[in-house]
Amino acid sequence: LRNRTGWEHLRESLHVLITASDYTRARCATKLAVGVNRIMPMLSTDNDELKSQQFIQLAIINGTYRHTRVR
């Protein structure tokens, strides 16, 4: 899909825009820090457990989930 029209964004590196608004810069900075701290674990390549859970949930939604036993 990367080279098809409409899918150019797949060639870009992963990015997230976090914004905050409040009465003071200090409060905005605090809100941004909280946002970054919540997002960073999801962007980590070490987070295979989260990915696994998300794929299971997606399979359940799609009706394609097959439970496998771990031996």
PDB file of N, CA and C in Angstrom:
ATOM      1  N   LEU A   1       0.801  -1.202   0.000  1.00  0.00           N
ATOM      2  CA  LEU A   1       0.000   0.000   0.000  1.00  0.00           C
ATOM      3  C   LEU A   1       0.844   1.267   0.000  1.00  0.00           C
ATOM      4  N   ARG A   2       2.069   1.175   0.476  1.00  0.00           N
ATOM      5  CA  ARG A   2       2.899   2.375   0.649  1.00  0.00           C
ATOM      6  C   ARG A   2       3.044   3.194  -0.627  1.00  0.00           C
ATOM      7  N   ASN A   3       3.087   2.562  -1.772  1.00  0.00           N
ATOM      8  CA  ASN A   3       3.326   3.286  -3.021  1.00  0.00           C
ATOM      9  C   ASN A   3       2.048   3.643  -3.760  1.00  0.00           C
ATOM     10  N   ARG A   4       0.902   3.390  -3.173  1.00  0.00           N
ATOM     11  CA  ARG A   4      -0.364   3.690  -3.827  1.00  0.00           C
ATOM     12  C   ARG A   4      -0.835   5.098  -3.485  1.00  0.00           C
ATOM     13  N   THR A   5      -1.607   5.665  -4.385  1.00  0.00           N
ATOM     14  CA  THR A   5      -2.176   6.989  -4.168  1.00  0.00           C
ATOM     15  C   THR A   5      -3.088   6.967  -2.948  1.00  0.00           C
ATOM     16  N   GLY A   6      -2.919   7.955  -2.089  1.00  0.00           N
ATOM     17  CA  GLY A   6      -3.738   8.045  -0.884  1.00  0.00           C
ATOM     18  C   GLY A   6      -3.103   7.399   0.333  1.00  0.00           C
ATOM     19  N   TRP A   7      -2.013   6.675   0.134  1.00  0.00           N
ATOM     20  CA  TRP A   7      -1.355   5.981   1.244  1.00  0.00           C
ATOM     21  C   TRP A   7       0.058   6.509   1.478  1.00  0.00           C
ATOM     22  N   GLU A   8       0.341   7.709   0.983  1.00  0.00           N
ATOM     23  CA  GLU A   8       1.678   8.289   1.098  1.00  0.00           C
ATOM     24  C   GLU A   8       2.125   8.435   2.548  1.00  0.00           C
ATOM     25  N   HIS A   9       1.175   8.624   3.449  1.00  0.00           N
ATOM     26  CA  HIS A   9       1.516   8.811   4.863  1.00  0.00           C
ATOM     27  C   HIS A   9       2.221   7.593   5.459  1.00  0.00           C
ATOM     28  N   LEU A  10       2.098   6.432   4.830  1.00  0.00           N
ATOM     29  CA  LEU A  10       2.767   5.236   5.346  1.00  0.00           C
ATOM     30  C   LEU A  10       4.279   5.312   5.165  1.00  0.00           C
ATOM     31  N   ARG A  11       4.748   6.207   4.308  1.00  0.00           N
ATOM     32  CA  ARG A  11       6.185   6.376   4.119  1.00  0.00           C
ATOM     33  C   ARG A  11       6.797   7.254   5.205  1.00  0.00           C
ATOM     34  N   GLU A  12       5.964   7.980   5.935  1.00  0.00           N
ATOM     35  CA  GLU A  12       6.453   8.864   6.987  1.00  0.00           C
ATOM     36  C   GLU A  12       6.737   8.073   8.258  1.00  0.00           C
ATOM     37  N   SER A  13       7.655   8.591   9.059  1.00  0.00           N
ATOM     38  CA  SER A  13       7.886   7.953  10.351  1.00  0.00           C
ATOM     39  C   SER A  13       6.683   8.232  11.248  1.00  0.00           C
ATOM     40  N   LEU A  14       6.494   7.379  12.237  1.00  0.00           N
ATOM     41  CA  LEU A  14       5.372   7.531  13.156  1.00  0.00           C
ATOM     42  C   LEU A  14       5.507   8.839  13.916  1.00  0.00           C
ATOM     43  N   HIS A  15       4.416   9.580  13.971  1.00  0.00           N
ATOM     44  CA  HIS A  15       4.445  10.843  14.697  1.00  0.00           C
ATOM     45  C   HIS A  15       3.099  11.081  15.372  1.00  0.00           C
ATOM     46  N   VAL A  16       3.145  11.831  16.458  1.00  0.00           N
ATOM     47  CA  VAL A  16       1.951  12.160  17.231  1.00  0.00           C
ATOM     48  C   VAL A  16       2.025  13.644  17.572  1.00  0.00           C
ATOM     49  N   LEU A  17       0.924  14.350  17.394  1.00  0.00           N
ATOM     50  CA  LEU A  17       0.856  15.760  17.770  1.00  0.00           C
ATOM     51  C   LEU A  17       0.082  15.870  19.068  1.00  0.00           C
ATOM     52  N   ILE A  18       0.716  16.434  20.071  1.00  0.00           N
ATOM     53  CA  ILE A  18       0.074  16.623  21.372  1.00  0.00           C
ATOM     54  C   ILE A  18      -0.052  18.125  21.598  1.00  0.00           C
ATOM     55  N   THR A  19      -1.265  18.588  21.865  1.00  0.00           N
ATOM     56  CA  THR A  19      -1.487  20.008  22.121  1.00  0.00           C
ATOM     57  C   THR A  19      -2.175  20.188  23.462  1.00  0.00           C
ATOM     58  N   ALA A  20      -2.031  21.375  24.014  1.00  0.00           N
ATOM     59  CA  ALA A  20      -2.695  21.695  25.279  1.00  0.00           C
ATOM     60  C   ALA A  20      -3.026  23.177  25.287  1.00  0.00           C
ATOM     61  N   SER A  21      -4.100  23.509  25.964  1.00  0.00           N
ATOM     62  CA  SER A  21      -4.431  24.924  26.150  1.00  0.00           C
ATOM     63  C   SER A  21      -4.877  25.132  27.590  1.00  0.00           C
ATOM     64  N   ASP A  22      -4.466  26.249  28.143  1.00  0.00           N
ATOM     65  CA  ASP A  22      -4.838  26.606  29.508  1.00  0.00           C
ATOM     66  C   ASP A  22      -4.514  28.079  29.703  1.00  0.00           C
ATOM     67  N   TYR A  23      -4.718  28.575  30.892  1.00  0.00           N
ATOM     68  CA  TYR A  23      -4.530  29.998  31.172  1.00  0.00           C
ATOM     69  C   TYR A  23      -3.073  30.414  31.256  1.00  0.00           C
ATOM     70  N   THR A  24      -2.195  29.505  31.655  1.00  0.00           N
ATOM     71  CA  THR A  24      -0.783  29.865  31.789  1.00  0.00           C
ATOM     72  C   THR A  24       0.093  28.865  31.049  1.00  0.00           C
ATOM     73  N   ARG A  25       1.287  29.311  30.716  1.00  0.00           N
ATOM     74  CA  ARG A  25       2.243  28.413  30.054  1.00  0.00           C
ATOM     75  C   ARG A  25       2.633  27.255  30.961  1.00  0.00           C
ATOM     76  N   ALA A  26       2.736  27.525  32.239  1.00  0.00           N
ATOM     77  CA  ALA A  26       3.124  26.474  33.188  1.00  0.00           C
ATOM     78  C   ALA A  26       2.082  25.357  33.208  1.00  0.00           C
ATOM     79  N   ARG A  27       0.816  25.725  33.214  1.00  0.00           N
ATOM     80  CA  ARG A  27      -0.243  24.703  33.213  1.00  0.00           C
ATOM     81  C   ARG A  27      -0.256  23.941  31.890  1.00  0.00           C
ATOM     82  N   CYS A  28       0.006  24.641  30.788  1.00  0.00           N
ATOM     83  CA  CYS A  28       0.105  23.971  29.488  1.00  0.00           C
ATOM     84  C   CYS A  28       1.271  22.984  29.483  1.00  0.00           C
ATOM     85  N   ALA A  29       2.394  23.410  30.018  1.00  0.00           N
ATOM     86  CA  ALA A  29       3.569  22.536  30.071  1.00  0.00           C
ATOM     87  C   ALA A  29       3.275  21.294  30.899  1.00  0.00           C
ATOM     88  N   THR A  30       2.557  21.464  31.995  1.00  0.00           N
ATOM     89  CA  THR A  30       2.191  20.320  32.837  1.00  0.00           C
ATOM     90  C   THR A  30       1.278  19.367  32.074  1.00  0.00           C
ATOM     91  N   LYS A  31       0.287  19.920  31.394  1.00  0.00           N
ATOM     92  CA  LYS A  31      -0.635  19.085  30.618  1.00  0.00           C
ATOM     93  C   LYS A  31       0.095  18.354  29.491  1.00  0.00           C
ATOM     94  N   LEU A  32       1.018  19.048  28.827  1.00  0.00           N
ATOM     95  CA  LEU A  32       1.790  18.406  27.762  1.00  0.00           C
ATOM     96  C   LEU A  32       2.640  17.266  28.306  1.00  0.00           C
ATOM     97  N   ALA A  33       3.255  17.481  29.455  1.00  0.00           N
ATOM     98  CA  ALA A  33       4.081  16.430  30.064  1.00  0.00           C
ATOM     99  C   ALA A  33       3.237  15.207  30.393  1.00  0.00           C
ATOM    100  N   VAL A  34       2.042  15.429  30.919  1.00  0.00           N
ATOM    101  CA  VAL A  34       1.144  14.307  31.222  1.00  0.00           C
ATOM    102  C   VAL A  34       0.778  13.576  29.933  1.00  0.00           C
ATOM    103  N   GLY A  35       0.467  14.327  28.891  1.00  0.00           N
ATOM    104  CA  GLY A  35       0.121  13.717  27.606  1.00  0.00           C
ATOM    105  C   GLY A  35       1.258  12.888  27.037  1.00  0.00           C
ATOM    106  N   VAL A  36       2.457  13.439  27.069  1.00  0.00           N
ATOM    107  CA  VAL A  36       3.633  12.714  26.567  1.00  0.00           C
ATOM    108  C   VAL A  36       3.848  11.435  27.366  1.00  0.00           C
ATOM    109  N   ASN A  37       3.728  11.523  28.684  1.00  0.00           N
ATOM    110  CA  ASN A  37       3.935  10.342  29.531  1.00  0.00           C
ATOM    111  C   ASN A  37       2.887   9.261  29.281  1.00  0.00           C
ATOM    112  N   ARG A  38       1.707   9.639  28.860  1.00  0.00           N
ATOM    113  CA  ARG A  38       0.673   8.642  28.555  1.00  0.00           C
ATOM    114  C   ARG A  38       0.861   8.025  27.175  1.00  0.00           C
ATOM    115  N   ILE A  39       1.377   8.799  26.238  1.00  0.00           N
ATOM    116  CA  ILE A  39       1.535   8.333  24.861  1.00  0.00           C
ATOM    117  C   ILE A  39       2.801   7.497  24.665  1.00  0.00           C
ATOM    118  N   MET A  40       3.893   7.874  25.293  1.00  0.00           N
ATOM    119  CA  MET A  40       5.181   7.218  25.053  1.00  0.00           C
ATOM    120  C   MET A  40       5.165   5.702  25.225  1.00  0.00           C
ATOM    121  N   PRO A  41       4.523   5.157  26.251  1.00  0.00           N
ATOM    122  CA  PRO A  41       4.513   3.696  26.368  1.00  0.00           C
ATOM    123  C   PRO A  41       3.851   3.002  25.176  1.00  0.00           C
ATOM    124  N   MET A  42       2.899   3.657  24.548  1.00  0.00           N
ATOM    125  CA  MET A  42       2.218   3.056  23.399  1.00  0.00           C
ATOM    126  C   MET A  42       3.083   3.071  22.152  1.00  0.00           C
ATOM    127  N   LEU A  43       4.055   3.966  22.088  1.00  0.00           N
ATOM    128  CA  LEU A  43       4.924   4.076  20.923  1.00  0.00           C
ATOM    129  C   LEU A  43       6.160   3.200  21.032  1.00  0.00           C
ATOM    130  N   SER A  44       6.396   2.636  22.183  1.00  0.00           N
ATOM    131  CA  SER A  44       7.572   1.803  22.409  1.00  0.00           C
ATOM    132  C   SER A  44       7.460   0.501  21.630  1.00  0.00           C
ATOM    133  N   THR A  45       8.557   0.082  21.013  1.00  0.00           N
ATOM    134  CA  THR A  45       8.565  -1.194  20.300  1.00  0.00           C
ATOM    135  C   THR A  45       8.639  -2.366  21.271  1.00  0.00           C
ATOM    136  N   ASP A  46       8.914  -2.068  22.544  1.00  0.00           N
ATOM    137  CA  ASP A  46       8.990  -3.121  23.553  1.00  0.00           C
ATOM    138  C   ASP A  46       7.620  -3.487  24.108  1.00  0.00           C
ATOM    139  N   ASN A  47       6.573  -2.843  23.643  1.00  0.00           N
ATOM    140  CA  ASN A  47       5.248  -3.015  24.210  1.00  0.00           C
ATOM    141  C   ASN A  47       4.461  -4.093  23.466  1.00  0.00           C
ATOM    142  N   ASP A  48       5.021  -5.277  23.346  1.00  0.00           N
ATOM    143  CA  ASP A  48       4.375  -6.357  22.616  1.00  0.00           C
ATOM    144  C   ASP A  48       3.097  -6.837  23.289  1.00  0.00           C
ATOM    145  N   GLU A  49       3.020  -6.747  24.607  1.00  0.00           N
ATOM    146  CA  GLU A  49       1.820  -7.185  25.324  1.00  0.00           C
ATOM    147  C   GLU A  49       0.623  -6.323  24.931  1.00  0.00           C
ATOM    148  N   LEU A  50       0.817  -5.025  24.843  1.00  0.00           N
ATOM    149  CA  LEU A  50      -0.266  -4.125  24.432  1.00  0.00           C
ATOM    150  C   LEU A  50      -0.697  -4.434  23.006  1.00  0.00           C
ATOM    151  N   LYS A  51       0.266  -4.617  22.103  1.00  0.00           N
ATOM    152  CA  LYS A  51      -0.054  -4.953  20.716  1.00  0.00           C
ATOM    153  C   LYS A  51      -0.830  -6.252  20.641  1.00  0.00           C
ATOM    154  N   SER A  52      -0.396  -7.239  21.397  1.00  0.00           N
ATOM    155  CA  SER A  52      -1.065  -8.536  21.405  1.00  0.00           C
ATOM    156  C   SER A  52      -2.514  -8.400  21.855  1.00  0.00           C
ATOM    157  N   GLN A  53      -2.743  -7.649  22.922  1.00  0.00           N
ATOM    158  CA  GLN A  53      -4.108  -7.437  23.408  1.00  0.00           C
ATOM    159  C   GLN A  53      -4.957  -6.711  22.368  1.00  0.00           C
ATOM    160  N   GLN A  54      -4.371  -5.724  21.690  1.00  0.00           N
ATOM    161  CA  GLN A  54      -5.114  -4.985  20.678  1.00  0.00           C
ATOM    162  C   GLN A  54      -5.473  -5.878  19.493  1.00  0.00           C
ATOM    163  N   PHE A  55      -4.557  -6.750  19.072  1.00  0.00           N
ATOM    164  CA  PHE A  55      -4.851  -7.661  17.973  1.00  0.00           C
ATOM    165  C   PHE A  55      -5.942  -8.657  18.354  1.00  0.00           C
ATOM    166  N   ILE A  56      -5.926  -9.123  19.586  1.00  0.00           N
ATOM    167  CA  ILE A  56      -6.976 -10.032  20.058  1.00  0.00           C
ATOM    168  C   ILE A  56      -8.321  -9.319  20.043  1.00  0.00           C
ATOM    169  N   GLN A  57      -8.366  -8.084  20.543  1.00  0.00           N
ATOM    170  CA  GLN A  57      -9.616  -7.325  20.544  1.00  0.00           C
ATOM    171  C   GLN A  57     -10.119  -7.087  19.126  1.00  0.00           C
ATOM    172  N   LEU A  58      -9.221  -6.775  18.208  1.00  0.00           N
ATOM    173  CA  LEU A  58      -9.605  -6.566  16.820  1.00  0.00           C
ATOM    174  C   LEU A  58     -10.156  -7.850  16.205  1.00  0.00           C
ATOM    175  N   ALA A  59      -9.510  -8.968  16.482  1.00  0.00           N
ATOM    176  CA  ALA A  59      -9.992 -10.249  15.965  1.00  0.00           C
ATOM    177  C   ALA A  59     -11.368 -10.585  16.523  1.00  0.00           C
ATOM    178  N   ILE A  60     -11.597 -10.278  17.792  1.00  0.00           N
ATOM    179  CA  ILE A  60     -12.914 -10.518  18.394  1.00  0.00           C
ATOM    180  C   ILE A  60     -13.957  -9.653  17.695  1.00  0.00           C
ATOM    181  N   ILE A  61     -13.645  -8.384  17.474  1.00  0.00           N
ATOM    182  CA  ILE A  61     -14.569  -7.478  16.790  1.00  0.00           C
ATOM    183  C   ILE A  61     -14.872  -7.979  15.384  1.00  0.00           C
ATOM    184  N   ASN A  62     -13.844  -8.457  14.682  1.00  0.00           N
ATOM    185  CA  ASN A  62     -14.015  -8.937  13.310  1.00  0.00           C
ATOM    186  C   ASN A  62     -14.606 -10.337  13.232  1.00  0.00           C
ATOM    187  N   GLY A  63     -14.712 -11.006  14.372  1.00  0.00           N
ATOM    188  CA  GLY A  63     -15.247 -12.362  14.386  1.00  0.00           C
ATOM    189  C   GLY A  63     -14.268 -13.409  13.906  1.00  0.00           C
ATOM    190  N   THR A  64     -12.985 -13.097  13.936  1.00  0.00           N
ATOM    191  CA  THR A  64     -11.970 -14.038  13.454  1.00  0.00           C
ATOM    192  C   THR A  64     -11.094 -14.593  14.569  1.00  0.00           C
ATOM    193  N   TYR A  65     -11.438 -14.293  15.814  1.00  0.00           N
ATOM    194  CA  TYR A  65     -10.608 -14.725  16.941  1.00  0.00           C
ATOM    195  C   TYR A  65     -10.727 -16.223  17.154  1.00  0.00           C
ATOM    196  N   ARG A  66      -9.574 -16.874  17.291  1.00  0.00           N
ATOM    197  CA  ARG A  66      -9.517 -18.300  17.616  1.00  0.00           C
ATOM    198  C   ARG A  66      -8.609 -18.451  18.822  1.00  0.00           C
ATOM    199  N   HIS A  67      -9.166 -18.895  19.918  1.00  0.00           N
ATOM    200  CA  HIS A  67      -8.388 -19.066  21.143  1.00  0.00           C
ATOM    201  C   HIS A  67      -7.397 -20.206  20.964  1.00  0.00           C
ATOM    202  N   THR A  68      -6.143 -19.960  21.306  1.00  0.00           N
ATOM    203  CA  THR A  68      -5.121 -21.008  21.246  1.00  0.00           C
ATOM    204  C   THR A  68      -4.567 -21.219  22.634  1.00  0.00           C
ATOM    205  N   ARG A  69      -4.357 -22.457  22.964  1.00  0.00           N
ATOM    206  CA  ARG A  69      -3.795 -22.794  24.275  1.00  0.00           C
ATOM    207  C   ARG A  69      -2.283 -22.749  24.219  1.00  0.00           C
ATOM    208  N   VAL A  70      -1.688 -22.230  25.262  1.00  0.00           N
ATOM    209  CA  VAL A  70      -0.230 -22.214  25.384  1.00  0.00           C
ATOM    210  C   VAL A  70       0.170 -23.431  26.183  1.00  0.00           C
ATOM    211  N   ARG A  71       1.082 -24.220  25.634  1.00  0.00           N
ATOM    212  CA  ARG A  71       1.499 -25.449  26.317  1.00  0.00           C
ATOM    213  C   ARG A  71       2.808 -25.261  26.986  1.00  0.00           C
TER     214      ARG A  71
END
